[in-house]
Amino acid sequence: MPLDPDRTVAALIVDQPALVDALVALGFAPLANPAVRAVMAPRTTLREACERHGRPLAGVLTALDARLAGGVWP
């Protein structure tokens, strides 16, 4: 099932804990800090996070889907 960019980052992480490391590797460094993650992740959708960090949503979704599928990172 494809990731929904309009879900909160926290909801995505609860469903798929491996996404924390993947998101950090994709440039969402604040998520590496559990305190920041606890405050920001429940309030921010993946779409909003991409906009704030200047990351292309389509590319992030492709990379995360590949990570979840165990495939090669783009």
Protein backbone atom coordinates (compact mmCIF):
# COMPACT_ATOMS: atom_id res chain seq x y z
CA MET A 1 0.00 0.00 0.00
CA PRO A 2 1.48 3.38 -0.97
CA LEU A 3 2.36 5.88 1.71
CA ASP A 4 -0.11 8.70 2.21
CA PRO A 5 1.71 12.06 2.15
CA ASP A 6 -1.15 13.67 4.05
CA ARG A 7 -0.73 11.47 7.13
CA THR A 8 1.34 12.81 9.96
CA VAL A 9 4.96 11.78 10.18
CA ALA A 10 4.18 10.30 13.60
CA ALA A 11 1.46 8.05 12.17
CA LEU A 12 3.78 6.87 9.40
CA ILE A 13 6.51 6.10 11.94
CA VAL A 14 4.12 4.21 14.23
CA ASP A 15 3.07 2.03 11.28
CA GLN A 16 6.62 1.65 9.93
CA PRO A 17 9.32 2.34 12.57
CA ALA A 18 12.11 1.78 10.00
CA LEU A 19 11.05 5.02 8.35
CA VAL A 20 12.74 7.09 11.06
CA ASP A 21 16.21 6.18 9.82
CA ALA A 22 15.10 6.45 6.21
CA LEU A 23 13.68 9.94 6.74
CA VAL A 24 16.82 11.08 8.54
CA ALA A 25 18.93 9.75 5.65
CA LEU A 26 16.73 11.67 3.21
CA GLY A 27 17.50 14.95 4.95
CA PHE A 28 14.93 15.19 7.71
CA ALA A 29 17.66 15.39 10.37
CA PRO A 30 15.48 16.76 13.20
CA LEU A 31 13.69 13.40 13.34
CA ALA A 32 16.87 11.86 14.72
CA ASN A 33 16.22 13.69 17.99
CA PRO A 34 13.47 11.86 19.95
CA ALA A 35 12.37 15.06 21.73
CA VAL A 36 11.94 16.96 18.47
CA ARG A 37 10.26 13.93 16.91
CA ALA A 38 7.78 13.76 19.82
CA VAL A 39 6.78 17.39 19.38
CA MET A 40 6.88 17.88 15.61
CA ALA A 41 6.01 14.51 14.07
CA PRO A 42 2.40 14.42 15.36
CA ARG A 43 1.77 17.91 13.96
CA THR A 44 3.41 17.61 10.56
CA THR A 45 2.33 15.66 7.51
CA LEU A 46 4.90 14.13 5.21
CA ARG A 47 3.84 16.64 2.54
CA GLU A 48 4.45 19.56 4.93
CA ALA A 49 7.81 18.14 6.00
CA CYS A 50 8.92 17.93 2.37
CA GLU A 51 7.87 21.53 1.77
CA ARG A 52 9.69 22.77 4.89
CA HIS A 53 12.89 20.91 4.08
CA GLY A 54 12.86 21.62 0.34
CA ARG A 55 12.60 17.96 -0.61
CA PRO A 56 10.58 16.78 -3.63
CA LEU A 57 7.57 14.86 -2.35
CA ALA A 58 7.57 12.39 -5.25
CA GLY A 59 11.23 11.55 -4.70
CA VAL A 60 10.77 11.08 -0.98
CA LEU A 61 7.77 8.81 -1.51
CA THR A 62 9.69 6.76 -4.07
CA ALA A 63 12.64 6.37 -1.71
CA LEU A 64 10.46 5.43 1.26
CA ASP A 65 8.45 2.94 -0.78
CA ALA A 66 11.72 1.35 -1.95
CA ARG A 67 12.94 1.18 1.65
CA LEU A 68 9.74 -0.52 2.79
CA ALA A 69 9.88 -2.96 -0.12
CA GLY A 70 13.48 -3.82 0.73
CA GLY A 71 14.59 -2.57 -2.66
CA VAL A 72 17.39 -0.35 -3.78
CA TRP A 73 17.28 3.27 -2.71
CA PRO A 74 16.91 5.64 -5.64
